[in-house]
Amino acid sequence: MIANDPYAELERRFGRMSAVNRAGAILNWDRSTMMPDGASDDRADQLATLGVISHEMMVAPDMPDLLSRAEEGKATLDAWRAANLREMRHSWTHANALPSDLVEARTLASSACEMAWREAKKNNDFKSLLPTLGEVLKIVREVAAAKSRALGLSHYDALLDEYEPGGRSARVDALFADLGAALPGLLGRVMERQRGGPPPLPLDGPFPVEAQRRLGEEMLRVIGFDFNHGRLDVSAHPFTGGTADDVRITTRYDEEDFARALMGVLHECGHGLYEAGLPRDWRRQPVGNARGMVLHESQSLLMEMQACRGRDFIDFAAPRMRAAFGKSGPAWSADNIHRVYTRVTPGFIRVDADEVTYPLHIVLRYRLERAMLAGDLALADLPGAWNDGMKELLGIVPPTDTLGCLQDIHWPDGAIGYFPTYTMGALAAAQLFAAAKKAVPGLLASIGKGDFAPLLGWLRANVHGKGSLATTDEILAQATGAPLGTAAFKAHLESRYLSA
């Protein structure tokens, strides 16, 4: 088979690597949800071993020859197989840049740091995180240097390319500069408009966790989440894991504020629907994977922000919220709930931020992680730099590190280069939702009836089912008529917060 059909042999090998990686995904989900703390060292060893097995399969000595010979026959491949071969080469280039011992060290260090982060966050003790976080940063720098040499990119761009293939900091800088010029003035106008109207009435708790869970599951079913192929659980930081056929989403509950968990569920549902909608015939191959984190985040933010904070969905959801918690009165009217869900207020926590201020949270993290990677910011100085940045960008200073630099899991997990994709995903979400509204007659009315099938069908056809057949910009251009930009996002903010 190898001699006669190198491409077929590559498909066979990548299918086996996919199985190893999918097993690791379930183990990783379990680590963050159900695993007893005492099993952390054993689980880290399991994940590191699986990572090394997958890596060694990828960088087998004959892999370069297989790829080259398959590429020589690329003209005979159809579009999907040609794209799959391109993605194989991209995956191999990233993997081949790293020796197996560095792959293992990265997994072990991030596993140890995540466990330390949980305690540090709970105890507001940043200093206790420094040893393990320092080790993670050291290894990430080694990874960045190795991939920089292999890809011909800057250290930061080599990491960004892991999460968004083709993503470059120059593009991020341009998009963020555009937003940076527009958002402060828009935020001021929104705040002034809010001051001129009645503030939302508080939604009175407490809200029992079990009632919140039932409401979250009801809304997941409404949107289209398949519980025959997925679960909803609890974790310290909401995330989506598992596999396309076994989607694992999580949230966290606060008995004083049910909106935090519910919006987290809706956000992660968007991720889960993307995974579940990836092209079934290519599930075990690179071309069947999600294109990158920009489109992944676009799907979560499209559901949470674009669709489910809109008035149409709130009209549908309000009576179900009242029923879930046994509530009534003016505070529980759809009008007031909508004001609660669209209130713009600078806050400390990124995942709870409104659409207008959220990009500023990402700008802060983008600045800091680039400085940490370059060695321009010492880890010990991170809390102070964080607080200074919050003061500059949002006008507030976190009273604790738990509400500041300890809030996110990304850096303890070694995920430097990930954060920009959140705001780029918000831009893509606005473009896609605007295009869907034009393409699907009565889309908002359907959402107002709790019928997400028209929206999900459009997303399946224009985003999910594409997998990695094309680049992010190509997928966006085909679906919306333009590559990634800021215009649709700015128009959306103007419409929702200043025109309604």
Protein backbone atom coordinates (compact mmCIF):
# COMPACT_ATOMS: atom_id res chain seq x y z
CA MET A 1 0.00 0.00 0.00
CA ILE A 2 2.79 2.42 0.90
CA ALA A 3 4.58 1.97 -2.41
CA ASN A 4 1.46 2.18 -4.59
CA ASP A 5 -0.68 4.69 -2.75
CA PRO A 6 1.12 6.96 -0.30
CA TYR A 7 -1.99 9.09 0.22
CA ALA A 8 -4.06 6.07 1.32
CA GLU A 9 -1.33 5.11 3.78
CA LEU A 10 -1.37 8.66 5.19
CA GLU A 11 -5.14 8.45 5.67
CA ARG A 12 -4.70 5.17 7.55
CA ARG A 13 -2.05 6.63 9.84
CA PHE A 14 -3.90 9.87 10.53
CA GLY A 15 -7.02 7.86 11.36
CA ARG A 16 -5.07 5.95 14.02
CA MET A 17 -3.59 9.18 15.40
CA SER A 18 -7.11 10.59 15.58
CA ALA A 19 -8.20 7.65 17.75
CA VAL A 20 -5.30 8.24 20.17
CA ASN A 21 -6.07 11.96 20.33
CA ARG A 22 -9.78 11.37 20.86
CA ALA A 23 -9.03 9.06 23.78
CA GLY A 24 -6.86 11.80 25.24
CA ALA A 25 -9.70 14.31 24.82
CA ILE A 26 -12.02 12.21 26.98
CA LEU A 27 -9.33 11.72 29.63
CA ASN A 28 -8.69 15.46 29.63
CA TRP A 29 -12.41 16.18 30.07
CA ASP A 30 -12.55 13.74 32.99
CA ARG A 31 -9.53 15.42 34.59
CA SER A 32 -11.42 18.70 34.73
CA THR A 33 -14.80 17.35 35.82
CA MET A 34 -14.86 14.06 37.73
CA MET A 35 -11.32 12.91 38.44
CA PRO A 36 -10.39 12.83 42.15
CA ASP A 37 -7.57 15.23 42.96
CA GLY A 38 -5.33 12.40 44.11
CA ALA A 39 -5.29 10.93 40.62
CA SER A 40 -3.74 14.00 39.02
CA ASP A 41 -0.18 12.63 38.72
CA ASP A 42 -1.39 9.36 37.21
CA ARG A 43 -3.66 11.19 34.76
CA ALA A 44 -0.83 13.50 33.74
CA ASP A 45 1.29 10.42 32.99
CA GLN A 46 -1.53 8.90 30.90
CA LEU A 47 -2.08 12.07 28.88
CA ALA A 48 1.64 12.62 28.38
CA THR A 49 2.07 9.04 27.18
CA LEU A 50 -0.79 9.32 24.72
CA GLY A 51 0.64 12.61 23.50
CA VAL A 52 4.03 11.01 22.89
CA ILE A 53 2.46 8.02 21.11
CA SER A 54 0.56 10.32 18.77
CA HIS A 55 3.62 12.51 18.24
CA GLU A 56 5.89 9.58 17.43
CA MET A 57 3.35 8.27 14.92
CA MET A 58 3.29 11.70 13.31
CA VAL A 59 7.08 12.08 13.06
CA ALA A 60 7.85 8.52 11.96
CA PRO A 61 11.03 8.45 9.83
CA ASP A 62 9.21 7.67 6.60
CA MET A 63 6.54 10.37 7.03
CA PRO A 64 8.40 13.07 5.01
CA ASP A 65 8.76 10.68 2.09
CA LEU A 66 5.10 9.67 2.27
CA LEU A 67 3.99 13.28 2.28
CA SER A 68 6.27 14.24 -0.59
CA ARG A 69 5.17 11.34 -2.78
CA ALA A 70 1.51 11.98 -2.02
CA GLU A 71 2.00 15.65 -2.92
CA GLU A 72 3.54 14.63 -6.24
CA GLY A 73 0.19 13.00 -7.08
CA LYS A 74 -1.93 15.84 -5.71
CA ALA A 75 -3.40 16.61 -9.15
CA THR A 76 -5.23 13.27 -9.07
CA LEU A 77 -6.94 13.98 -5.74
CA ASP A 78 -10.41 15.49 -5.37
CA ALA A 79 -10.90 18.74 -3.44
CA TRP A 80 -11.43 17.07 -0.06
CA ARG A 81 -8.40 14.80 -0.35
CA ALA A 82 -6.21 17.61 -1.62
CA ALA A 83 -7.25 19.76 1.33
CA ASN A 84 -6.70 16.81 3.66
CA LEU A 85 -3.17 16.41 2.33
CA ARG A 86 -2.53 20.12 2.89
CA GLU A 87 -3.73 19.80 6.50
CA MET A 88 -1.61 16.69 7.01
CA ARG A 89 1.48 18.66 5.94
CA HIS A 90 0.56 21.51 8.29
CA SER A 91 0.08 19.12 11.22
CA TRP A 92 3.31 17.31 10.47
CA THR A 93 5.29 20.56 10.24
CA HIS A 94 4.09 21.61 13.69
CA ALA A 95 4.74 18.19 15.22
CA ASN A 96 8.09 17.59 13.54
CA ALA A 97 9.41 20.82 15.01
CA LEU A 98 9.27 19.29 18.51
CA PRO A 99 11.20 16.36 19.98
CA SER A 100 9.11 13.81 21.87
CA ASP A 101 10.60 14.71 25.23
CA LEU A 102 9.46 18.32 24.80
CA VAL A 103 5.94 17.14 23.91
CA GLU A 104 5.88 15.03 27.07
CA ALA A 105 7.31 17.83 29.21
CA ARG A 106 4.71 20.27 27.92
CA THR A 107 1.83 17.97 28.87
CA LEU A 108 3.25 17.14 32.29
CA ALA A 109 3.98 20.77 33.12
CA SER A 110 0.56 22.02 32.08
CA SER A 111 -1.19 19.22 33.97
CA ALA A 112 0.70 20.08 37.16
CA CYS A 113 0.10 23.79 36.67
CA GLU A 114 -3.64 23.36 36.11
CA MET A 115 -3.98 21.56 39.44
CA ALA A 116 -1.91 24.27 41.15
CA TRP A 117 -4.01 26.96 39.45
CA ARG A 118 -7.23 25.55 40.88
CA GLU A 119 -5.89 25.94 44.41
CA ALA A 120 -4.25 29.31 43.74
CA LYS A 121 -7.46 30.73 42.31
CA LYS A 122 -9.55 29.36 45.16
CA ASN A 123 -7.15 30.79 47.76
CA ASN A 124 -6.28 34.06 45.95
CA ASP A 125 -2.63 33.04 46.12
CA PHE A 126 -0.79 33.98 42.95
CA LYS A 127 2.63 33.41 44.51
CA SER A 128 1.85 29.72 45.01
CA LEU A 129 1.35 29.40 41.23
CA LEU A 130 4.69 30.94 40.27
CA PRO A 131 6.84 27.76 40.33
CA THR A 132 4.59 25.69 38.07
CA LEU A 133 3.56 28.62 35.86
CA GLY A 134 7.24 29.49 35.44
CA GLU A 135 7.94 25.94 34.26
CA VAL A 136 5.05 26.10 31.78
CA LEU A 137 6.28 29.42 30.38
CA LYS A 138 9.82 28.06 30.04
CA ILE A 139 8.57 25.09 28.03
CA VAL A 140 6.23 27.21 25.91
CA ARG A 141 9.19 29.40 25.00
CA GLU A 142 11.10 26.30 23.89
CA VAL A 143 8.10 25.19 21.83
CA ALA A 144 7.77 28.64 20.29
CA ALA A 145 11.46 28.75 19.38
CA ALA A 146 11.36 25.31 17.78
CA LYS A 147 8.22 26.04 15.79
CA SER A 148 9.51 29.46 14.80
CA ARG A 149 12.48 27.80 13.13
CA ALA A 150 10.30 25.21 11.40
CA LEU A 151 7.60 27.61 10.19
CA GLY A 152 9.68 30.70 9.52
CA LEU A 153 7.48 32.76 11.84
CA SER A 154 7.99 34.90 14.91
CA HIS A 155 7.79 33.06 18.21
CA TYR A 156 4.32 34.40 18.96
CA ASP A 157 2.97 33.73 15.48
CA ALA A 158 4.27 30.16 15.65
CA LEU A 159 2.08 29.64 18.72
CA LEU A 160 -0.90 31.52 17.27
CA ASP A 161 -0.72 29.24 14.22
CA GLU A 162 -1.44 26.26 16.50
CA TYR A 163 -4.87 27.67 17.32
CA GLU A 164 -5.64 29.56 14.11
CA PRO A 165 -3.80 28.14 11.08
CA GLY A 166 -2.59 31.10 9.09
CA GLY A 167 -3.28 33.50 11.96
CA ARG A 168 -0.69 36.27 12.30
CA SER A 169 -0.14 38.96 14.91
CA ALA A 170 0.04 41.66 12.22
CA ARG A 171 -3.57 40.85 11.31
CA VAL A 172 -4.55 40.80 14.98
CA ASP A 173 -2.87 44.16 15.52
CA ALA A 174 -4.77 45.72 12.62
CA LEU A 175 -8.15 44.38 13.74
CA PHE A 176 -7.55 45.33 17.36
CA ALA A 177 -6.39 48.82 16.35
CA ASP A 178 -9.64 49.30 14.44
CA LEU A 179 -11.66 48.18 17.46
CA GLY A 180 -9.49 50.24 19.79
CA ALA A 181 -10.32 53.36 17.82
CA ALA A 182 -14.07 52.66 17.85
CA LEU A 183 -14.89 51.00 21.18
CA PRO A 184 -14.06 53.72 23.73
CA GLY A 185 -16.38 56.23 22.08
CA LEU A 186 -19.09 53.64 21.55
CA LEU A 187 -18.81 52.50 25.17
CA GLY A 188 -19.20 56.09 26.35
CA ARG A 189 -22.32 56.57 24.24
CA VAL A 190 -23.82 53.30 25.45
CA MET A 191 -23.17 54.17 29.10
CA GLU A 192 -24.71 57.60 28.60
CA ARG A 193 -27.78 56.07 26.97
CA GLN A 194 -28.15 53.63 29.85
CA ARG A 195 -27.97 56.43 32.40
CA GLY A 196 -30.87 58.10 30.63
CA GLY A 197 -33.18 55.11 31.07
CA PRO A 198 -34.43 52.95 33.91
CA PRO A 199 -31.88 50.48 35.26
CA PRO A 200 -32.88 46.83 35.05
CA LEU A 201 -34.59 45.40 38.10
CA PRO A 202 -32.47 42.74 39.82
CA LEU A 203 -33.48 39.12 39.30
CA ASP A 204 -33.97 37.94 42.86
CA GLY A 205 -32.32 34.68 43.90
CA PRO A 206 -31.22 32.36 45.22
CA PHE A 207 -31.37 30.04 42.24
CA PRO A 208 -30.92 26.37 43.22
CA VAL A 209 -28.27 24.60 41.20
CA GLU A 210 -30.60 21.76 40.26
CA ALA A 211 -33.15 24.22 38.82
CA GLN A 212 -30.36 25.93 36.88
CA ARG A 213 -29.18 22.61 35.51
CA ARG A 214 -32.68 21.67 34.33
CA LEU A 215 -33.13 25.07 32.66
CA GLY A 216 -29.74 24.75 30.96
CA GLU A 217 -30.58 21.29 29.64
CA GLU A 218 -33.95 22.54 28.37
CA MET A 219 -32.30 25.37 26.47
CA LEU A 220 -29.65 23.02 25.07
CA ARG A 221 -32.37 20.81 23.62
CA VAL A 222 -34.15 23.84 22.17
CA ILE A 223 -31.00 24.95 20.34
CA GLY A 224 -30.27 21.48 19.02
CA PHE A 225 -27.76 19.80 21.36
CA ASP A 226 -28.01 16.02 21.14
CA PHE A 227 -27.81 14.36 24.56
CA ASN A 228 -27.44 10.98 22.88
CA HIS A 229 -24.03 12.24 21.78
CA GLY A 230 -23.12 14.62 24.59
CA ARG A 231 -23.21 15.65 28.24
CA LEU A 232 -23.43 18.75 30.44
CA ASP A 233 -21.22 18.77 33.53
CA VAL A 234 -19.49 21.14 35.96
CA SER A 235 -15.89 22.40 35.88
CA ALA A 236 -13.84 25.20 37.38
CA HIS A 237 -13.73 26.91 33.98
CA PRO A 238 -16.44 26.26 31.35
CA PHE A 239 -15.18 24.41 28.28
CA THR A 240 -16.12 22.04 25.48
CA GLY A 241 -14.22 18.78 25.13
CA GLY A 242 -14.71 15.21 24.03
CA THR A 243 -15.14 14.32 20.38
CA ALA A 244 -17.50 15.08 17.51
CA ASP A 245 -19.57 11.99 18.40
CA ASP A 246 -19.26 12.47 22.17
CA VAL A 247 -19.41 16.19 22.93
CA ARG A 248 -18.67 17.12 26.55
CA ILE A 249 -19.62 20.65 27.64
CA THR A 250 -19.33 22.16 31.10
CA THR A 251 -20.46 25.18 33.04
CA ARG A 252 -20.22 26.47 36.63
CA TYR A 253 -23.10 27.54 38.86
CA ASP A 254 -23.67 30.55 41.11
CA GLU A 255 -26.82 30.39 43.20
CA GLU A 256 -26.98 34.20 43.28
CA ASP A 257 -26.76 34.67 39.50
CA PHE A 258 -28.27 32.06 37.20
CA ALA A 259 -27.39 34.04 34.06
CA ARG A 260 -23.68 33.23 34.42
CA ALA A 261 -24.26 29.49 34.14
CA LEU A 262 -26.99 29.75 31.53
CA MET A 263 -24.99 31.97 29.21
CA GLY A 264 -22.00 29.69 29.75
CA VAL A 265 -24.14 26.73 28.69
CA LEU A 266 -25.38 28.55 25.58
CA HIS A 267 -21.80 29.57 24.72
CA GLU A 268 -20.44 26.05 25.05
CA CYS A 269 -23.44 24.71 23.15
CA GLY A 270 -22.26 26.71 20.14
CA HIS A 271 -18.88 25.00 20.36
CA GLY A 272 -20.54 21.62 20.75
CA LEU A 273 -22.84 22.09 17.77
CA TYR A 274 -19.84 22.98 15.62
CA GLU A 275 -18.03 19.81 16.64
CA ALA A 276 -21.15 17.67 16.10
CA GLY A 277 -21.71 19.22 12.68
CA LEU A 278 -18.24 18.57 11.25
CA PRO A 279 -18.28 16.51 8.03
CA ARG A 280 -19.05 12.94 9.04
CA ASP A 281 -17.17 11.33 6.17
CA TRP A 282 -13.95 13.06 7.27
CA ARG A 283 -14.26 12.79 11.07
CA ARG A 284 -11.00 10.88 11.48
CA GLN A 285 -8.92 13.05 9.16
CA PRO A 286 -7.38 16.53 9.53
CA VAL A 287 -9.69 18.04 6.90
CA GLY A 288 -12.64 16.96 9.04
CA ASN A 289 -11.43 18.95 12.04
CA ALA A 290 -12.66 22.41 12.97
CA ARG A 291 -10.93 25.03 10.83
CA GLY A 292 -9.45 26.89 13.78
CA MET A 293 -10.36 28.71 16.94
CA VAL A 294 -11.61 31.86 15.17
CA LEU A 295 -14.48 29.93 13.62
CA HIS A 296 -14.87 27.81 16.76
CA GLU A 297 -15.27 30.91 18.91
CA SER A 298 -17.56 32.43 16.29
CA GLN A 299 -19.97 29.55 16.79
CA SER A 300 -20.09 29.88 20.57
CA LEU A 301 -20.43 33.66 20.46
CA LEU A 302 -23.01 33.52 17.68
CA MET A 303 -25.24 31.38 19.90
CA GLU A 304 -24.59 33.14 23.19
CA MET A 305 -24.36 36.76 22.08
CA GLN A 306 -25.92 37.17 18.65
CA ALA A 307 -28.88 34.79 18.95
CA CYS A 308 -29.58 34.23 22.64
CA ARG A 309 -29.18 37.80 23.94
CA GLY A 310 -31.48 39.09 21.22
CA ARG A 311 -35.00 40.15 22.13
CA ASP A 312 -36.60 37.37 20.08
CA PHE A 313 -34.95 34.63 22.10
CA ILE A 314 -35.56 36.42 25.41
CA ASP A 315 -39.28 36.59 24.60
CA PHE A 316 -39.20 32.81 24.18
CA ALA A 317 -36.98 32.09 27.18
CA ALA A 318 -38.50 34.46 29.78
CA PRO A 319 -41.56 32.32 30.66
CA ARG A 320 -39.33 29.26 30.90
CA MET A 321 -37.01 31.11 33.25
CA ARG A 322 -39.98 32.12 35.43
CA ALA A 323 -41.21 28.54 35.49
CA ALA A 324 -37.76 27.13 36.30
CA PHE A 325 -37.39 29.24 39.44
CA GLY A 326 -41.03 29.82 40.36
CA LYS A 327 -40.75 33.59 39.86
CA SER A 328 -43.15 36.35 38.84
CA GLY A 329 -43.44 40.12 38.89
CA PRO A 330 -42.00 43.04 36.89
CA ALA A 331 -38.38 41.92 37.27
CA TRP A 332 -39.23 38.71 35.42
CA SER A 333 -40.83 40.33 32.40
CA ALA A 334 -39.16 39.73 29.05
CA ASP A 335 -38.45 43.44 28.78
CA ASN A 336 -36.56 43.57 32.07
CA ILE A 337 -34.71 40.29 31.47
CA HIS A 338 -33.59 41.67 28.11
CA ARG A 339 -32.27 44.80 29.83
CA VAL A 340 -30.39 42.61 32.30
CA TYR A 341 -28.87 40.53 29.51
CA THR A 342 -27.82 43.54 27.45
CA ARG A 343 -26.58 45.75 30.28
CA VAL A 344 -23.14 47.17 29.52
CA THR A 345 -20.99 47.45 32.62
CA PRO A 346 -17.19 47.18 32.85
CA GLY A 347 -16.46 44.19 35.05
CA PHE A 348 -13.55 42.09 36.26
CA ILE A 349 -14.44 38.70 34.74
CA ARG A 350 -13.90 38.08 31.04
CA VAL A 351 -16.42 35.26 30.63
CA ASP A 352 -19.15 37.43 32.20
CA ALA A 353 -18.32 40.52 30.14
CA ASP A 354 -20.81 42.20 27.82
CA GLU A 355 -20.19 42.45 24.08
CA VAL A 356 -18.95 46.03 24.19
CA THR A 357 -16.28 45.60 26.86
CA TYR A 358 -15.29 42.00 26.09
CA PRO A 359 -12.74 42.90 23.37
CA LEU A 360 -10.91 45.09 25.89
CA HIS A 361 -10.42 42.04 28.14
CA ILE A 362 -8.83 40.26 25.18
CA VAL A 363 -6.61 43.21 24.26
CA LEU A 364 -5.21 43.11 27.81
CA ARG A 365 -4.43 39.39 27.66
CA TYR A 366 -2.95 39.71 24.17
CA ARG A 367 -0.56 42.42 25.34
CA LEU A 368 0.46 40.54 28.47
CA GLU A 369 1.05 37.14 26.90
CA ARG A 370 3.19 38.63 24.16
CA ALA A 371 5.24 40.46 26.80
CA MET A 372 5.60 37.31 28.94
CA LEU A 373 6.67 35.21 25.96
CA ALA A 374 9.25 37.80 24.90
CA GLY A 375 10.62 38.10 28.43
CA ASP A 376 9.56 41.74 28.70
CA LEU A 377 7.25 40.96 31.64
CA ALA A 378 8.42 38.87 34.59
CA LEU A 379 5.80 36.48 35.92
CA ALA A 380 6.13 37.93 39.40
CA ASP A 381 5.04 41.29 37.96
CA LEU A 382 1.98 39.88 36.21
CA PRO A 383 -0.60 40.87 38.88
CA GLY A 384 0.52 44.49 38.84
CA ALA A 385 0.65 44.66 35.06
CA TRP A 386 -2.79 43.10 34.89
CA ASN A 387 -4.26 45.63 37.29
CA ASP A 388 -2.63 48.53 35.47
CA GLY A 389 -4.06 47.30 32.19
CA MET A 390 -7.55 46.92 33.65
CA LYS A 391 -7.35 50.46 34.95
CA GLU A 392 -6.27 51.76 31.54
CA LEU A 393 -8.72 49.80 29.40
CA LEU A 394 -11.79 49.45 31.61
CA GLY A 395 -11.32 52.00 34.38
CA ILE A 396 -11.50 49.41 37.17
CA VAL A 397 -8.96 47.54 39.30
CA PRO A 398 -9.60 43.98 40.55
CA PRO A 399 -9.57 43.81 44.37
CA THR A 400 -8.02 40.31 44.27
CA ASP A 401 -5.92 38.23 41.90
CA THR A 402 -8.75 35.66 41.82
CA LEU A 403 -10.78 38.34 40.07
CA GLY A 404 -7.71 39.39 38.10
CA CYS A 405 -4.84 37.43 36.61
CA LEU A 406 -5.89 34.11 38.16
CA GLN A 407 -9.31 33.95 36.52
CA ASP A 408 -8.39 32.14 33.27
CA ILE A 409 -7.04 28.63 32.81
CA HIS A 410 -5.28 29.35 29.50
CA TRP A 411 -1.81 30.34 30.68
CA PRO A 412 -1.55 27.54 33.28
CA ASP A 413 -2.47 25.19 30.43
CA GLY A 414 0.27 26.70 28.27
CA ALA A 415 -2.22 28.12 25.76
CA ILE A 416 -0.37 31.29 24.77
CA GLY A 417 -1.65 32.50 21.40
CA TYR A 418 -5.24 31.44 22.02
CA PHE A 419 -6.76 34.64 23.45
CA PRO A 420 -6.90 36.75 20.25
CA THR A 421 -9.17 34.18 18.64
CA TYR A 422 -11.98 35.10 21.06
CA THR A 423 -12.41 38.61 19.72
CA MET A 424 -11.67 37.55 16.16
CA GLY A 425 -14.41 34.97 16.73
CA ALA A 426 -16.79 37.73 17.86
CA LEU A 427 -16.12 39.58 14.61
CA ALA A 428 -16.79 36.42 12.61
CA ALA A 429 -19.96 35.71 14.61
CA ALA A 430 -21.39 39.12 13.72
CA GLN A 431 -20.61 38.58 10.03
CA LEU A 432 -22.14 35.12 9.99
CA PHE A 433 -25.31 36.05 11.89
CA ALA A 434 -25.89 39.07 9.66
CA ALA A 435 -25.48 36.84 6.60
CA ALA A 436 -27.81 34.19 8.05
CA LYS A 437 -30.52 36.78 8.68
CA LYS A 438 -30.31 37.87 5.05
CA ALA A 439 -30.25 34.33 3.69
CA VAL A 440 -32.96 32.75 5.86
CA PRO A 441 -36.38 34.44 5.71
CA GLY A 442 -38.00 34.84 9.12
CA LEU A 443 -34.90 33.68 11.01
CA LEU A 444 -35.48 35.92 14.05
CA ALA A 445 -39.15 34.96 14.18
CA SER A 446 -38.14 31.29 14.24
CA ILE A 447 -35.72 31.92 17.10
CA GLY A 448 -38.54 33.73 18.90
CA LYS A 449 -40.56 30.50 18.72
CA GLY A 450 -37.65 28.43 20.03
CA ASP A 451 -37.02 26.98 16.57
CA PHE A 452 -33.29 27.00 15.91
CA ALA A 453 -33.44 24.52 13.03
CA PRO A 454 -33.26 27.20 10.30
CA LEU A 455 -30.20 28.83 11.91
CA LEU A 456 -28.51 25.51 12.62
CA GLY A 457 -29.20 24.31 9.09
CA TRP A 458 -27.57 27.41 7.63
CA LEU A 459 -24.55 27.02 9.89
CA ARG A 460 -24.24 23.34 9.04
CA ALA A 461 -24.14 24.17 5.33
CA ASN A 462 -21.92 27.24 5.48
CA VAL A 463 -19.53 26.59 8.41
CA HIS A 464 -19.77 23.26 10.24
CA GLY A 465 -19.90 21.00 7.20
CA LYS A 466 -16.88 22.71 5.64
CA GLY A 467 -14.47 21.34 8.24
CA SER A 468 -11.01 22.46 7.18
CA LEU A 469 -11.73 22.31 3.46
CA ALA A 470 -10.81 26.00 3.12
CA THR A 471 -9.16 28.75 5.15
CA THR A 472 -11.06 30.83 7.69
CA ASP A 473 -11.19 33.82 5.36
CA GLU A 474 -12.34 31.66 2.45
CA ILE A 475 -15.14 30.11 4.50
CA LEU A 476 -16.22 33.52 5.73
CA ALA A 477 -16.07 35.04 2.25
CA GLN A 478 -18.16 32.22 0.81
CA ALA A 479 -20.74 32.54 3.60
CA THR A 480 -20.83 36.32 4.08
CA GLY A 481 -19.24 37.88 1.02
CA ALA A 482 -16.16 39.21 2.84
CA PRO A 483 -13.10 37.99 4.77
CA LEU A 484 -12.82 38.68 8.47
CA GLY A 485 -13.34 42.34 9.35
CA THR A 486 -14.80 44.66 11.98
CA ALA A 487 -17.68 46.29 10.07
CA ALA A 488 -20.43 43.78 10.92
CA PHE A 489 -19.44 43.69 14.60
CA LYS A 490 -19.48 47.47 14.93
CA ALA A 491 -22.83 47.65 13.12
CA HIS A 492 -24.22 45.00 15.45
CA LEU A 493 -23.15 46.94 18.57
CA GLU A 494 -24.62 50.16 17.20
CA SER A 495 -27.91 48.42 16.42
CA ARG A 496 -28.31 46.52 19.68
CA TYR A 497 -27.07 49.11 22.15
CA LEU A 498 -27.74 52.48 20.54
CA SER A 499 -30.66 52.05 18.14
CA ALA A 500 -33.00 49.66 19.93
